[in-house]
């Protein structure tokens, strides 16, 4: 395979809940980059929420896709190359839907997380990603501009049920996708990891066939389908595995390292 760009999901694909890149995977990524392969993180997280991962990867990596494709930024500085945000009307609609279903909902403005009330999920989420956050019980009445995505949290065991309920209430141009258990990510149907990877590959003059994408959940599915070589880790959703060209070992078994060693470094050597 002639792979020149690897688009890589973070959570449950590259790392577990510790946010520490396993040594074998980190070594494989650095070897690939040294051979000229562009490594692009493609995540639902915001820029600040990737800081721990970025520090481990170092300065040889150039681009990061955040908020499920709404922001493509320079890796080191966070300066936006592409940004595509929701309208205020769409954000308000998402907030109302979550309120109707009595689910936690939060928006993002820059790297700040804003929700209507503090919940155990909100407290844990912001502590884990070390993000600035605040509660605003009158959020619907305030500024809802510059929002790349809306996140609704449902009980993980009922995620699919609530995802369908949310999707049925959304305007047609919005979709509800999953990224982690209980996470329902709302964005514009035209704004996806796949569309962001395609735009970046075009800018870098890299052909679709030379792109690989690795992920685990429905937020990753369209970039896996678009890429010349789309991979799903074995711990990924069944639907995403079915859409992939290849199912690789699970995150816990360092599937990212396995793929790079077998299909990127080996062939290039």
Protein backbone atom coordinates (compact mmCIF):
# COMPACT_ATOMS: atom_id res chain seq x y z
CA UNK A 1 0.00 0.00 0.00
CA UNK A 2 1.14 3.52 -0.77
CA UNK A 3 -0.26 5.33 2.28
CA UNK A 4 0.67 9.00 2.57
CA UNK A 5 -1.91 10.16 5.14
CA UNK A 6 -3.43 8.38 8.14
CA UNK A 7 -6.52 9.97 9.73
CA UNK A 8 -6.72 8.66 13.25
CA UNK A 9 -9.53 8.77 15.79
CA UNK A 10 -8.37 9.21 19.40
CA UNK A 11 -10.73 7.72 21.98
CA UNK A 12 -11.09 3.93 22.00
CA UNK A 13 -9.00 3.80 18.80
CA UNK A 14 -5.59 5.22 19.70
CA UNK A 15 -5.97 5.51 23.48
CA UNK A 16 -8.13 4.18 26.29
CA UNK A 17 -9.48 6.29 29.16
CA UNK A 18 -5.96 7.12 30.34
CA UNK A 19 -5.13 9.36 27.34
CA UNK A 20 -1.67 7.81 27.23
CA UNK A 21 -0.59 6.61 23.79
CA UNK A 22 0.72 3.04 24.17
CA UNK A 23 4.48 2.83 23.51
CA UNK A 24 4.27 0.55 20.48
CA UNK A 25 1.67 2.78 18.82
CA UNK A 26 3.65 5.94 19.55
CA UNK A 27 6.80 4.39 18.09
CA UNK A 28 4.95 3.27 14.96
CA UNK A 29 3.41 6.72 14.45
CA UNK A 30 6.78 8.41 14.77
CA UNK A 31 8.41 5.96 12.34
CA UNK A 32 5.62 6.54 9.82
CA UNK A 33 5.98 10.30 10.13
CA UNK A 34 9.76 10.02 9.70
CA UNK A 35 9.09 8.23 6.41
CA UNK A 36 6.93 11.12 5.19
CA UNK A 37 3.46 9.86 6.15
CA UNK A 38 1.14 12.62 7.33
CA UNK A 39 -0.49 11.67 10.65
CA UNK A 40 -3.74 13.55 11.27
CA UNK A 41 -5.73 13.25 14.48
CA UNK A 42 -9.46 13.28 13.68
CA UNK A 43 -11.54 13.61 16.83
CA UNK A 44 -14.78 14.79 18.33
CA UNK A 45 -12.76 16.65 20.94
CA UNK A 46 -11.90 20.33 20.73
CA UNK A 47 -8.35 21.59 20.27
CA UNK A 48 -7.61 22.09 23.98
CA UNK A 49 -9.07 18.68 24.76
CA UNK A 50 -6.34 17.06 22.65
CA UNK A 51 -3.45 18.72 24.46
CA UNK A 52 -2.33 15.63 26.38
CA UNK A 53 -2.21 13.61 23.15
CA UNK A 54 -0.47 16.36 21.20
CA UNK A 55 2.30 16.67 23.78
CA UNK A 56 3.12 13.00 23.39
CA UNK A 57 3.24 13.21 19.60
CA UNK A 58 5.61 16.18 19.51
CA UNK A 59 6.30 18.79 16.85
CA UNK A 60 6.57 16.57 13.78
CA UNK A 61 2.79 16.42 13.32
CA UNK A 62 1.04 19.16 11.42
CA UNK A 63 -2.78 18.96 11.37
CA UNK A 64 -5.67 18.08 13.64
CA UNK A 65 -9.39 17.70 12.87
CA UNK A 66 -11.58 18.67 15.84
CA UNK A 67 -15.27 18.67 16.73
CA UNK A 68 -16.04 15.80 14.36
CA UNK A 69 -14.85 17.72 11.29
CA UNK A 70 -16.06 21.26 12.06
CA UNK A 71 -12.53 22.55 12.61
CA UNK A 72 -9.29 21.70 10.83
CA UNK A 73 -6.40 23.35 12.64
CA UNK A 74 -2.64 23.59 12.50
CA UNK A 75 -1.42 21.03 14.96
CA UNK A 76 1.04 23.16 16.95
CA UNK A 77 -0.80 26.50 17.12
CA UNK A 78 -4.49 25.64 16.83
CA UNK A 79 -4.85 28.22 14.05
CA UNK A 80 -7.89 27.28 11.96
CA UNK A 81 -7.45 26.23 8.33
CA UNK A 82 -11.11 25.26 7.86
CA UNK A 83 -14.05 25.94 10.18
CA UNK A 84 -17.73 25.18 9.62
CA UNK A 85 -20.02 25.93 12.55
CA UNK A 86 -23.72 25.45 13.32
CA UNK A 87 -26.23 28.27 13.01
CA UNK A 88 -27.67 29.76 16.19
CA UNK A 89 -31.10 28.43 15.17
CA UNK A 90 -29.73 24.89 14.91
CA UNK A 91 -28.01 25.12 18.29
CA UNK A 92 -31.22 26.35 19.91
CA UNK A 93 -33.18 23.49 18.32
CA UNK A 94 -30.71 20.95 19.77
CA UNK A 95 -30.98 22.47 23.23
CA UNK A 96 -34.77 22.29 23.11
CA UNK A 97 -34.72 18.66 21.97
CA UNK A 98 -32.42 17.67 24.83
CA UNK A 99 -34.62 19.52 27.28
CA UNK A 100 -37.73 17.73 25.97
CA UNK A 101 -36.01 14.38 26.52
CA UNK A 102 -34.56 15.48 29.89
CA UNK A 103 -30.99 14.76 28.78
CA UNK A 104 -27.77 16.58 29.59
CA UNK A 105 -26.69 18.85 26.74
CA UNK A 106 -23.63 21.02 26.21
CA UNK A 107 -22.27 23.34 23.57
CA UNK A 108 -18.76 24.43 22.69
CA UNK A 109 -17.58 27.98 22.08
CA UNK A 110 -13.88 27.97 21.40
CA UNK A 111 -12.54 25.52 23.97
CA UNK A 112 -15.12 26.41 26.61
CA UNK A 113 -17.91 23.95 27.42
CA UNK A 114 -21.26 25.48 28.38
CA UNK A 115 -24.26 23.61 29.73
CA UNK A 116 -27.53 24.61 31.33
CA UNK A 117 -26.88 22.93 34.67
CA UNK A 118 -24.04 21.16 36.36
CA UNK A 119 -24.45 17.38 36.32
CA UNK A 120 -22.14 14.53 37.37
CA UNK A 121 -21.43 13.94 33.67
CA UNK A 122 -20.48 17.59 33.07
CA UNK A 123 -18.19 17.64 36.08
CA UNK A 124 -16.45 14.41 35.06
CA UNK A 125 -16.20 15.43 31.40
CA UNK A 126 -14.52 18.75 32.08
CA UNK A 127 -12.18 17.30 34.69
CA UNK A 128 -11.10 14.48 32.37
CA UNK A 129 -10.32 16.76 29.44
CA UNK A 130 -9.17 19.65 31.68
CA UNK A 131 -11.47 22.08 29.91
CA UNK A 132 -12.90 25.41 31.05
CA UNK A 133 -16.61 25.00 31.65
CA UNK A 134 -19.57 26.84 33.12
CA UNK A 135 -23.27 26.46 33.73
CA UNK A 136 -25.76 28.94 32.27
CA UNK A 137 -29.38 28.18 33.10
CA UNK A 138 -30.48 30.84 30.60
CA UNK A 139 -28.28 29.51 27.81
CA UNK A 140 -31.12 29.54 25.27
CA UNK A 141 -31.43 33.31 25.73
CA UNK A 142 -27.73 34.03 25.23
CA UNK A 143 -25.19 34.00 22.42
CA UNK A 144 -25.25 30.71 20.51
CA UNK A 145 -22.84 31.70 17.74
CA UNK A 146 -19.51 30.05 16.85
CA UNK A 147 -20.64 26.61 18.02
CA UNK A 148 -19.01 23.73 16.11
CA UNK A 149 -21.12 20.96 17.66
CA UNK A 150 -23.66 20.09 20.33
CA UNK A 151 -23.18 17.09 22.60
CA UNK A 152 -26.10 15.31 24.25
CA UNK A 153 -25.39 12.67 26.88
CA UNK A 154 -27.74 9.73 27.42
CA UNK A 155 -27.42 6.72 29.73
CA UNK A 156 -24.96 4.48 27.84
CA UNK A 157 -27.27 1.46 28.02
CA UNK A 158 -30.00 3.52 26.32
CA UNK A 159 -27.82 5.38 23.83
CA UNK A 160 -29.33 3.83 20.69
CA UNK A 161 -32.88 4.52 21.83
CA UNK A 162 -32.15 8.16 22.59
CA UNK A 163 -30.06 8.62 19.47
CA UNK A 164 -33.08 7.61 17.40
CA UNK A 165 -35.37 9.90 19.41
CA UNK A 166 -32.99 12.82 18.94
CA UNK A 167 -32.49 12.12 15.22
CA UNK A 168 -36.25 11.99 14.63
CA UNK A 169 -36.61 15.50 16.05
CA UNK A 170 -33.67 17.11 14.24
CA UNK A 171 -33.98 19.18 11.06
CA UNK A 172 -33.00 17.12 8.00
CA UNK A 173 -29.67 18.88 7.58
CA UNK A 174 -28.45 17.78 11.03
CA UNK A 175 -27.37 14.31 12.13
CA UNK A 176 -26.83 12.49 15.43
CA UNK A 177 -23.76 10.27 15.63
CA UNK A 178 -22.00 8.33 18.38
CA UNK A 179 -18.42 8.75 19.57
CA UNK A 180 -18.30 7.13 23.02
CA UNK A 181 -20.91 5.23 25.06
CA UNK A 182 -23.76 7.63 25.77
CA UNK A 183 -22.38 10.44 23.59
CA UNK A 184 -24.76 11.77 20.93
CA UNK A 185 -22.89 14.24 18.74
CA UNK A 186 -24.96 16.69 16.71
CA UNK A 187 -23.62 18.41 13.62
CA UNK A 188 -24.46 19.39 10.07
CA UNK A 189 -24.66 16.40 7.71
CA UNK A 190 -22.11 18.08 5.42
CA UNK A 191 -19.64 18.56 8.28
CA UNK A 192 -18.00 15.25 9.08
CA UNK A 193 -14.59 13.78 9.72
CA UNK A 194 -14.73 12.36 6.22
CA UNK A 195 -15.38 15.71 4.55
CA UNK A 196 -12.59 17.29 6.61
CA UNK A 197 -10.12 14.53 5.71
CA UNK A 198 -11.07 14.86 2.02
CA UNK A 199 -10.56 18.64 2.10
CA UNK A 200 -7.19 18.34 3.83
CA UNK A 201 -5.99 15.58 1.51
CA UNK A 202 -6.89 17.74 -1.50
CA UNK A 203 -5.00 20.68 -0.04
CA UNK A 204 -1.95 18.47 0.50
CA UNK A 205 -2.22 16.95 -3.02
CA UNK A 206 -2.70 13.46 -1.60
CA UNK A 207 -4.92 11.07 -3.55
CA UNK A 208 -7.92 9.37 -1.92
CA UNK A 209 -6.33 5.95 -2.52
CA UNK A 210 -3.30 7.08 -0.49
CA UNK A 211 -5.38 7.89 2.60
CA UNK A 212 -6.12 5.50 5.44
CA UNK A 213 -8.60 6.22 8.24
CA UNK A 214 -8.89 4.34 11.53
CA UNK A 215 -11.78 4.62 13.99
CA UNK A 216 -14.31 2.80 16.12
CA UNK A 217 -17.67 4.58 16.21
CA UNK A 218 -20.31 6.11 13.95
CA UNK A 219 -18.63 9.53 14.14
CA UNK A 220 -15.73 7.86 12.28
CA UNK A 221 -17.75 5.88 9.76
CA UNK A 222 -17.82 8.31 6.86
CA UNK A 223 -14.07 8.94 6.97
CA UNK A 224 -13.53 5.17 7.06
CA UNK A 225 -15.82 4.80 4.04
CA UNK A 226 -14.16 7.68 2.17
CA UNK A 227 -10.55 6.66 2.73
CA UNK A 228 -8.74 4.45 0.27
CA UNK A 229 -8.12 2.05 3.15
CA UNK A 230 -10.73 2.36 5.90
CA UNK A 231 -10.08 0.48 9.14
CA UNK A 232 -12.17 -0.20 12.22
CA UNK A 233 -10.64 -1.51 15.43
CA UNK A 234 -12.09 -4.78 16.67
CA UNK A 235 -13.69 -3.07 19.67
CA UNK A 236 -15.62 -0.76 17.33
CA UNK A 237 -19.33 -0.73 16.53
CA UNK A 238 -20.55 -3.58 14.35
CA UNK A 239 -21.94 -1.19 11.73
CA UNK A 240 -18.59 0.56 11.48
CA UNK A 241 -16.74 -2.75 11.18
CA UNK A 242 -19.11 -3.71 8.35
CA UNK A 243 -18.37 -0.43 6.55
CA UNK A 244 -14.58 -0.81 6.85
CA UNK A 245 -12.21 -2.34 4.32
CA UNK A 246 -10.37 -3.94 7.19
CA UNK A 247 -11.04 -4.82 10.83
CA UNK A 248 -7.79 -4.49 12.77
CA UNK A 249 -6.90 -5.54 16.33
CA UNK A 250 -8.65 -3.73 19.18
CA UNK A 251 -7.34 -0.57 20.82
CA UNK A 252 -6.19 -2.61 23.81
CA UNK A 253 -4.11 -4.74 21.43
CA UNK A 254 -2.66 -1.64 19.71
CA UNK A 255 -4.42 -2.08 16.39
CA UNK A 256 -3.05 1.27 15.22
CA UNK A 257 0.52 0.03 15.66
CA UNK A 258 -0.34 -3.28 13.99
CA UNK A 259 -1.77 -1.58 10.90
CA UNK A 260 1.17 0.79 10.50
CA UNK A 261 3.71 -2.00 10.96
CA UNK A 262 1.94 -4.35 8.55
CA UNK A 263 0.77 -1.99 5.81
CA UNK A 264 2.65 1.29 6.03
CA UNK A 265 6.21 0.81 7.26
CA UNK A 266 6.61 -2.67 5.75
CA UNK A 267 5.64 -1.62 2.24
CA UNK A 268 7.53 1.63 2.34
CA UNK A 269 10.66 -0.12 3.53
